[in-house]
Amino acid sequence: MTGTKRVIIAGGGPVGCVCALVLSKAGVPVTMLEAETAPVCDLRASTFHPPTLDMLAKLGVTDALIAQGLVSPVFQYRDREAGLLAEFDLAAIAPYSDHPFRLQCEQFKLTIEIYRQLKQYPDTQIIFGARFERLEQDGDGVHIDYTIDGAGGRVSGDYLIGADGARSSVRKTLGIEFPGFTYPELFVVASTKQDVSQIVPGLANVSYISDPEEWCALIRAPELWRFLFPVRPETPRTVALTHDYLLPRMQTMAPAPFTYEIAHSTLYDVHQRVAETYRKGRVFLAGDSAHINNPLGGMGMNGGIHDAVNLAGKLVDVLTAQAGEETLARYERQRRPIAIEYVQAQTHRNMQQLEERDPKVRSKRQADLKALASDKKRALEIMLQASMINAVNRSHAIA
């Protein structure tokens, strides 16, 4: 495209990077501000769902992720006492996706691959160590002040995308409320390099283990197995990260003839929140800036990437004169209901199912789950829901 139209992106995580790549490939100049001094190699999200892989394939990213990840077509629901309850094979959704599997691959591998690709676009500027300070917007554009090591800078553009996470400075600056709730429990993740699948026969790379006292999500990444547990509110944070606390819990879920070696552990608060609006004037929110949820089901990062593809695609259409300004209103109409009706609702149901304490309700849910898995039609519907295909289709259907 010609001209000086520019989109500013606050935040260089998966959502900001996907926005930048969509825009850059269409010839839209981009300035991305990232507070960290380099790409962050953390162990946050590690599951890519089928429609996300389809979207990233169109951007030329999916093959690089597959080469670094674990293709995982099967996911399981287990019970700590009863063992395997149900197994679902995503091969059944092949008619609905070019990638009928979950890909287990840490999110930093996505951002690093996109940073590599963005280097080929001379109109794309990435500023590391840049902390968002304030914004102004008027009829001509949006103007962002930032600092690097205390020194001030300013950048202007036509639009700003706030992809700066759950504590979004962009959202707070705009005064956008972030209603919802925080779970009383904390979540703790303990990762080990030891192969848990050698300890639990038939264990899938993605397994959810229910128990009224001590449920667990057991997820495999390429280099690590990750145990995710709830932590009772009365447990001190300093205790929850100790080996004395974590090792017995790991042994409870996957009894091993050795002591687990914990390679990494982290503790965090868990929220279910959705911003009251995704847009104010020339500024948009996407990803965790707009919505956060518990991690059961791996929908947070994926939903954020879906936001990014939707929003950046609409900005391309407007900035290249393929559509009028009114098309941007569809972004919130299409994405905010999905965060509430699909992602928030599904992740909360996932947690309720794992922690149910009423014996009669637990027994009925287990029986229902087994029946679902043995019914191909109903199992397919569960997989379309769990893989986020239903959510994406619903989003596309909103005018």
Protein backbone atom coordinates (compact mmCIF):
# COMPACT_ATOMS: atom_id res chain seq x y z
CA MET A 1 0.00 0.00 0.00
CA THR A 2 1.06 3.61 -0.39
CA GLY A 3 0.92 6.47 2.10
CA THR A 4 1.95 6.70 5.74
CA LYS A 5 -0.95 4.93 7.44
CA ARG A 6 0.36 3.11 10.50
CA VAL A 7 -0.94 0.83 13.25
CA ILE A 8 0.67 0.90 16.69
CA ILE A 9 0.63 -2.25 18.80
CA ALA A 10 1.24 -2.17 22.53
CA GLY A 11 2.56 -5.60 23.54
CA GLY A 12 4.79 -8.02 21.68
CA GLY A 13 3.40 -11.35 22.93
CA PRO A 14 1.53 -13.87 20.76
CA VAL A 15 -1.47 -11.58 20.14
CA GLY A 16 0.57 -8.49 19.32
CA CYS A 17 2.89 -10.50 17.09
CA VAL A 18 0.03 -12.06 15.11
CA CYS A 19 -1.53 -8.61 14.63
CA ALA A 20 1.81 -7.29 13.41
CA LEU A 21 2.29 -10.14 10.94
CA VAL A 22 -1.21 -9.85 9.43
CA LEU A 23 -0.74 -6.11 8.96
CA SER A 24 2.84 -6.35 7.68
CA LYS A 25 1.97 -8.98 5.09
CA ALA A 26 -0.70 -6.60 3.75
CA GLY A 27 1.80 -3.74 3.49
CA VAL A 28 0.47 -1.77 6.46
CA PRO A 29 3.26 -0.02 8.42
CA VAL A 30 3.46 -1.19 12.03
CA THR A 31 5.16 0.01 15.20
CA MET A 32 5.14 -2.56 18.00
CA LEU A 33 6.10 -1.50 21.53
CA GLU A 34 7.29 -4.29 23.83
CA ALA A 35 8.13 -3.57 27.46
CA GLU A 36 10.65 -6.42 27.73
CA THR A 37 14.11 -5.91 26.29
CA ALA A 38 13.93 -9.09 24.17
CA PRO A 39 11.39 -11.76 23.21
CA VAL A 40 10.23 -13.52 26.38
CA CYS A 41 10.98 -17.25 26.55
CA ASP A 42 8.46 -18.24 29.21
CA LEU A 43 6.38 -21.35 29.88
CA ARG A 44 2.88 -19.94 29.68
CA ALA A 45 0.41 -21.30 27.12
CA SER A 46 1.47 -24.41 25.25
CA THR A 47 -1.65 -25.62 23.40
CA PHE A 48 -2.58 -24.57 19.87
CA HIS A 49 -6.08 -25.61 18.79
CA PRO A 50 -7.03 -26.71 15.24
CA PRO A 51 -8.62 -23.44 14.02
CA THR A 52 -5.68 -21.48 15.42
CA LEU A 53 -3.29 -23.66 13.42
CA ASP A 54 -5.46 -23.10 10.33
CA MET A 55 -5.22 -19.32 10.81
CA LEU A 56 -1.48 -19.40 11.44
CA ALA A 57 -0.96 -21.61 8.38
CA LYS A 58 -2.29 -18.78 6.19
CA LEU A 59 0.43 -16.59 7.74
CA GLY A 60 3.16 -19.15 7.00
CA VAL A 61 3.79 -19.97 10.67
CA THR A 62 2.18 -23.35 11.43
CA ASP A 63 4.79 -25.59 9.78
CA ALA A 64 7.55 -24.02 11.89
CA LEU A 65 5.52 -24.65 15.04
CA ILE A 66 4.78 -28.26 14.13
CA ALA A 67 8.49 -28.84 13.61
CA GLN A 68 9.10 -27.70 17.20
CA GLY A 69 6.03 -29.18 18.89
CA LEU A 70 4.08 -32.35 19.63
CA VAL A 71 1.14 -33.29 17.44
CA SER A 72 -1.51 -34.49 19.91
CA PRO A 73 -4.75 -35.75 18.33
CA VAL A 74 -6.05 -37.37 21.54
CA PHE A 75 -7.15 -35.81 24.82
CA GLN A 76 -8.47 -37.63 27.87
CA TYR A 77 -10.65 -37.21 30.91
CA ARG A 78 -9.51 -39.30 33.85
CA ASP A 79 -10.42 -39.74 37.47
CA ARG A 80 -7.80 -40.14 40.18
CA GLU A 81 -9.49 -43.26 41.55
CA ALA A 82 -11.39 -44.66 38.54
CA GLY A 83 -8.68 -44.07 35.93
CA LEU A 84 -9.52 -43.37 32.29
CA LEU A 85 -13.10 -42.18 31.81
CA ALA A 86 -13.18 -40.98 28.21
CA GLU A 87 -10.83 -40.42 25.29
CA PHE A 88 -11.52 -38.18 22.32
CA ASP A 89 -9.63 -38.42 19.02
CA LEU A 90 -9.62 -35.17 17.06
CA ALA A 91 -9.12 -37.10 13.82
CA ALA A 92 -12.93 -36.99 13.70
CA ILE A 93 -12.89 -33.23 13.04
CA ALA A 94 -10.81 -33.58 9.86
CA PRO A 95 -13.74 -32.36 7.70
CA TYR A 96 -13.73 -29.10 9.70
CA SER A 97 -10.00 -28.31 9.96
CA ASP A 98 -6.79 -28.85 8.05
CA HIS A 99 -5.12 -29.57 11.41
CA PRO A 100 -7.28 -32.09 13.30
CA PHE A 101 -5.12 -32.17 16.41
CA ARG A 102 -3.85 -30.06 19.26
CA LEU A 103 -0.28 -28.94 18.92
CA GLN A 104 1.67 -28.86 22.16
CA CYS A 105 4.23 -26.11 21.63
CA GLU A 106 5.24 -23.31 24.00
CA GLN A 107 3.95 -19.88 23.04
CA PHE A 108 7.39 -18.30 22.92
CA LYS A 109 8.18 -20.43 19.87
CA LEU A 110 5.35 -18.65 18.07
CA THR A 111 6.58 -15.19 18.99
CA ILE A 112 10.19 -15.99 18.06
CA GLU A 113 9.10 -17.32 14.66
CA ILE A 114 6.99 -14.22 14.00
CA TYR A 115 9.77 -11.87 15.10
CA ARG A 116 12.00 -13.67 12.60
CA GLN A 117 9.48 -13.14 9.81
CA LEU A 118 8.82 -9.51 10.69
CA LYS A 119 12.45 -8.61 9.99
CA GLN A 120 11.76 -8.80 6.26
CA TYR A 121 9.26 -5.90 6.37
CA PRO A 122 11.06 -2.53 6.31
CA ASP A 123 7.91 -0.64 7.38
CA THR A 124 7.57 -2.75 10.52
CA GLN A 125 9.32 -1.31 13.56
CA ILE A 126 9.75 -3.22 16.83
CA ILE A 127 10.85 -1.21 19.85
CA PHE A 128 11.97 -3.33 22.80
CA GLY A 129 12.19 -2.00 26.34
CA ALA A 130 9.40 0.48 25.55
CA ARG A 131 6.97 1.05 28.41
CA PHE A 132 3.60 2.53 27.49
CA GLU A 133 2.94 5.77 29.39
CA ARG A 134 -0.06 7.55 27.92
CA LEU A 135 -2.11 8.07 24.78
CA GLU A 136 -4.00 10.82 23.05
CA GLN A 137 -6.36 10.45 20.13
CA ASP A 138 -8.00 12.91 17.79
CA GLY A 139 -9.51 13.03 14.34
CA ASP A 140 -6.14 12.52 12.70
CA GLY A 141 -4.89 9.57 14.70
CA VAL A 142 -3.62 8.23 17.99
CA HIS A 143 -0.41 9.35 19.69
CA ILE A 144 1.51 7.20 22.17
CA ASP A 145 4.11 8.31 24.67
CA TYR A 146 6.51 5.65 25.92
CA THR A 147 9.77 5.48 27.85
CA ILE A 148 12.93 3.43 27.45
CA ASP A 149 15.14 3.48 30.54
CA GLY A 150 13.47 6.73 31.56
CA ALA A 151 13.97 8.46 28.22
CA GLY A 152 10.78 9.55 26.49
CA GLY A 153 9.60 8.75 22.98
CA ARG A 154 6.46 9.27 20.95
CA VAL A 155 4.90 7.46 18.02
CA SER A 156 1.73 8.28 16.08
CA GLY A 157 -0.53 6.19 13.90
CA ASP A 158 -4.06 5.73 12.67
CA TYR A 159 -4.99 3.08 15.23
CA LEU A 160 -3.66 1.49 18.42
CA ILE A 161 -4.08 -2.17 19.39
CA GLY A 162 -3.77 -2.81 23.12
CA ALA A 163 -2.32 -6.32 23.35
CA ASP A 164 -0.45 -5.64 26.58
CA GLY A 165 -1.89 -8.37 28.75
CA ALA A 166 -4.25 -8.82 31.66
CA ARG A 167 -2.92 -5.75 33.48
CA SER A 168 -3.20 -3.70 30.30
CA SER A 169 -2.01 -0.13 30.67
CA VAL A 170 -3.94 0.73 27.51
CA ARG A 171 -7.21 -0.55 28.99
CA LYS A 172 -6.60 1.24 32.28
CA THR A 173 -5.68 4.50 30.54
CA LEU A 174 -8.96 4.40 28.65
CA GLY A 175 -10.90 3.74 31.85
CA ILE A 176 -12.45 0.55 30.48
CA GLU A 177 -13.85 -1.62 33.25
CA PHE A 178 -12.79 -5.27 33.48
CA PRO A 179 -15.67 -6.97 35.29
CA GLY A 180 -15.70 -10.59 36.37
CA PHE A 181 -14.32 -12.54 39.31
CA THR A 182 -11.18 -14.08 40.73
CA TYR A 183 -11.20 -17.71 41.87
CA PRO A 184 -10.46 -18.16 45.59
CA GLU A 185 -7.94 -20.85 44.67
CA LEU A 186 -4.53 -20.14 43.26
CA PHE A 187 -3.15 -22.35 40.51
CA VAL A 188 0.32 -23.85 40.67
CA VAL A 189 2.22 -25.45 37.79
CA ALA A 190 5.09 -27.84 38.44
CA SER A 191 7.06 -29.02 35.41
CA THR A 192 9.36 -32.00 35.12
CA LYS A 193 11.57 -33.36 32.35
CA GLN A 194 10.81 -36.92 33.43
CA ASP A 195 8.47 -38.79 31.08
CA VAL A 196 5.16 -39.21 32.87
CA SER A 197 3.75 -41.31 30.00
CA GLN A 198 6.18 -44.06 31.01
CA ILE A 199 4.63 -44.07 34.47
CA VAL A 200 0.93 -43.91 33.54
CA PRO A 201 0.21 -46.40 30.71
CA GLY A 202 -1.85 -44.95 27.88
CA LEU A 203 -1.63 -41.38 29.16
CA ALA A 204 -2.41 -38.79 26.48
CA ASN A 205 -0.39 -35.60 26.05
CA VAL A 206 -3.44 -33.69 27.27
CA SER A 207 -5.23 -35.23 30.25
CA TYR A 208 -7.65 -33.83 32.80
CA ILE A 209 -7.80 -35.75 36.08
CA SER A 210 -10.83 -35.15 38.29
CA ASP A 211 -10.93 -35.53 42.05
CA PRO A 212 -13.02 -33.78 44.71
CA GLU A 213 -9.95 -32.95 46.77
CA GLU A 214 -7.02 -32.83 44.40
CA TRP A 215 -7.76 -32.54 40.68
CA CYS A 216 -5.03 -31.96 38.09
CA ALA A 217 -4.46 -31.05 34.47
CA LEU A 218 -1.50 -33.01 33.16
CA ILE A 219 -0.13 -31.49 29.96
CA ARG A 220 2.89 -32.44 27.90
CA ALA A 221 5.06 -29.86 26.18
CA PRO A 222 7.98 -30.88 23.97
CA GLU A 223 10.57 -30.73 26.74
CA LEU A 224 8.43 -30.96 29.89
CA TRP A 225 5.39 -32.50 31.52
CA ARG A 226 3.34 -29.88 33.37
CA PHE A 227 1.22 -30.65 36.44
CA LEU A 228 -1.40 -27.96 37.12
CA PHE A 229 -3.07 -28.08 40.53
CA PRO A 230 -5.43 -25.83 42.50
CA VAL A 231 -4.08 -24.40 45.74
CA ARG A 232 -6.46 -23.91 48.63
CA PRO A 233 -6.89 -20.24 49.64
CA GLU A 234 -5.54 -20.89 53.13
CA THR A 235 -2.23 -22.28 51.80
CA PRO A 236 0.56 -19.66 52.05
CA ARG A 237 2.06 -18.72 48.69
CA THR A 238 5.54 -19.47 49.99
CA VAL A 239 4.46 -23.02 50.85
CA ALA A 240 2.76 -23.72 47.50
CA LEU A 241 6.06 -23.53 45.59
CA THR A 242 8.06 -25.79 47.91
CA HIS A 243 9.08 -29.33 46.99
CA ASP A 244 7.50 -30.59 50.21
CA TYR A 245 4.15 -29.33 48.94
CA LEU A 246 4.48 -30.19 45.23
CA LEU A 247 6.19 -33.57 45.17
CA PRO A 248 3.49 -35.48 47.12
CA ARG A 249 0.82 -34.04 44.84
CA MET A 250 2.70 -35.13 41.73
CA GLN A 251 3.09 -38.61 43.21
CA THR A 252 -0.65 -38.72 43.93
CA MET A 253 -1.52 -38.14 40.28
CA ALA A 254 1.27 -40.18 38.71
CA PRO A 255 2.89 -42.49 41.30
CA ALA A 256 6.52 -42.98 40.28
CA PRO A 257 9.26 -45.24 41.65
CA PHE A 258 11.50 -42.20 41.98
CA THR A 259 11.41 -38.64 43.24
CA TYR A 260 10.29 -36.16 40.61
CA GLU A 261 12.76 -33.48 39.64
CA ILE A 262 10.97 -30.16 39.34
CA ALA A 263 12.49 -28.15 36.52
CA HIS A 264 10.19 -25.16 36.86
CA SER A 265 7.26 -24.06 39.00
CA THR A 266 5.01 -21.03 39.06
CA LEU A 267 2.04 -19.81 41.07
CA TYR A 268 -0.66 -17.45 39.88
CA ASP A 269 -4.09 -16.00 40.53
CA VAL A 270 -6.85 -17.09 38.17
CA HIS A 271 -9.56 -14.81 36.84
CA GLN A 272 -12.62 -14.86 34.62
CA ARG A 273 -13.01 -11.30 33.24
CA VAL A 274 -14.15 -9.60 30.03
CA ALA A 275 -13.66 -5.91 29.24
CA GLU A 276 -16.88 -3.89 29.10
CA THR A 277 -15.92 -2.76 25.59
CA TYR A 278 -13.20 -3.75 23.12
CA ARG A 279 -12.96 -0.29 21.53
CA LYS A 280 -12.76 3.38 22.35
CA GLY A 281 -12.31 5.59 19.32
CA ARG A 282 -9.14 4.58 17.48
CA VAL A 283 -8.02 2.15 20.20
CA PHE A 284 -8.85 -1.56 20.34
CA LEU A 285 -8.21 -4.28 22.91
CA ALA A 286 -7.26 -7.84 22.00
CA GLY A 287 -6.21 -10.99 23.85
CA ASP A 288 -5.67 -10.85 27.61
CA SER A 289 -6.17 -7.09 27.54
CA ALA A 290 -9.78 -7.80 26.59
CA HIS A 291 -10.53 -11.12 28.31
CA ILE A 292 -8.91 -13.57 30.71
CA ASN A 293 -10.04 -17.00 31.87
CA ASN A 294 -8.78 -20.05 33.70
CA PRO A 295 -6.37 -22.16 31.64
CA LEU A 296 -8.38 -25.42 31.64
CA GLY A 297 -8.96 -26.18 27.98
CA GLY A 298 -6.15 -24.02 26.66
CA MET A 299 -8.46 -21.34 25.26
CA GLY A 300 -6.86 -18.10 26.45
CA MET A 301 -3.98 -17.68 24.01
CA ASN A 302 -6.00 -19.26 21.21
CA GLY A 303 -8.91 -16.88 21.72
CA GLY A 304 -6.43 -14.00 21.70
CA ILE A 305 -4.96 -15.14 18.39
CA HIS A 306 -8.48 -15.36 16.98
CA ASP A 307 -9.02 -11.76 18.12
CA ALA A 308 -5.78 -10.74 16.42
CA VAL A 309 -6.61 -12.29 13.06
CA ASN A 310 -10.12 -10.81 13.13
CA LEU A 311 -9.09 -7.29 14.16
CA ALA A 312 -5.94 -7.00 12.07
CA GLY A 313 -7.82 -8.28 9.01
CA LYS A 314 -10.45 -5.58 9.43
CA LEU A 315 -7.81 -2.87 9.89
CA VAL A 316 -6.15 -4.03 6.67
CA ASP A 317 -9.46 -3.75 4.83
CA VAL A 318 -10.06 -0.21 6.13
CA LEU A 319 -6.51 1.06 5.65
CA THR A 320 -6.30 -0.31 2.12
CA ALA A 321 -9.73 1.15 1.22
CA GLN A 322 -11.34 -2.26 0.72
CA ALA A 323 -13.94 -1.45 3.37
CA GLY A 324 -15.31 1.55 5.19
CA GLU A 325 -14.67 2.56 8.79
CA GLU A 326 -17.96 0.97 9.83
CA THR A 327 -16.49 -2.51 9.36
CA LEU A 328 -14.39 -2.01 12.50
CA ALA A 329 -17.53 -2.08 14.65
CA ARG A 330 -17.95 -5.72 13.74
CA TYR A 331 -14.79 -6.66 15.65
CA GLU A 332 -16.38 -6.22 19.07
CA ARG A 333 -19.70 -7.66 17.89
CA GLN A 334 -17.95 -10.78 16.67
CA ARG A 335 -15.37 -11.33 19.40
CA ARG A 336 -16.75 -10.13 22.74
CA PRO A 337 -19.77 -12.50 22.82
CA ILE A 338 -17.43 -15.41 22.05
CA ALA A 339 -15.30 -14.61 25.09
CA ILE A 340 -18.41 -14.67 27.28
CA GLU A 341 -20.57 -17.40 25.75
CA TYR A 342 -17.88 -19.86 24.67
CA VAL A 343 -14.48 -19.33 26.28
CA GLN A 344 -15.60 -18.14 29.73
CA ALA A 345 -18.44 -20.62 29.94
CA GLN A 346 -16.41 -23.61 28.70
CA THR A 347 -13.38 -23.04 30.92
CA HIS A 348 -15.58 -22.58 33.99
CA ARG A 349 -17.45 -25.81 33.19
CA ASN A 350 -14.12 -27.59 32.81
CA MET A 351 -13.11 -26.59 36.32
CA GLN A 352 -16.49 -27.49 37.83
CA GLN A 353 -16.30 -30.95 36.28
CA LEU A 354 -12.83 -31.62 37.68
CA GLU A 355 -13.59 -30.49 41.23
CA GLU A 356 -17.17 -31.75 41.72
CA ARG A 357 -17.51 -33.09 45.27
CA ASP A 358 -21.06 -34.44 45.41
CA PRO A 359 -20.68 -38.23 44.95
CA LYS A 360 -24.01 -38.60 43.12
CA VAL A 361 -23.26 -35.72 40.75
CA ARG A 362 -19.73 -37.04 40.15
CA SER A 363 -21.04 -40.50 39.38
CA LYS A 364 -23.62 -39.15 36.94
CA ARG A 365 -21.07 -36.92 35.19
CA GLN A 366 -18.68 -39.82 34.81
CA ALA A 367 -21.41 -42.01 33.34
CA ASP A 368 -22.47 -39.21 30.99
CA LEU A 369 -18.88 -38.68 29.88
CA LYS A 370 -18.41 -42.37 29.08
CA ALA A 371 -21.66 -42.39 27.13
CA LEU A 372 -20.60 -39.29 25.19
CA ALA A 373 -17.29 -40.82 24.20
CA SER A 374 -18.99 -43.93 22.83
CA ASP A 375 -21.51 -41.95 20.74
CA LYS A 376 -19.76 -40.71 17.58
CA LYS A 377 -22.21 -37.91 16.88
CA ARG A 378 -22.18 -36.53 20.40
CA ALA A 379 -18.41 -37.01 20.71
CA LEU A 380 -17.93 -34.99 17.54
CA GLU A 381 -19.96 -32.13 19.02
CA ILE A 382 -17.81 -32.20 22.17
CA MET A 383 -14.66 -32.04 20.06
CA LEU A 384 -15.96 -29.18 17.92
CA GLN A 385 -16.64 -27.30 21.14
CA ALA A 386 -13.38 -28.18 22.91
CA SER A 387 -11.28 -27.41 19.85
CA MET A 388 -12.90 -23.93 19.52
CA ILE A 389 -14.22 -24.65 16.03
CA ASN A 390 -17.78 -23.88 17.17
CA ALA A 391 -16.60 -20.59 18.67
CA VAL A 392 -14.85 -19.52 15.48
CA ASN A 393 -17.84 -20.46 13.34
CA ARG A 394 -20.18 -18.56 15.63
CA SER A 395 -17.93 -15.50 15.48
CA HIS A 396 -17.87 -15.54 11.67
CA ALA A 397 -21.67 -15.77 11.57
CA ILE A 398 -22.16 -12.49 13.44
CA ALA A 399 -22.80 -9.66 11.01
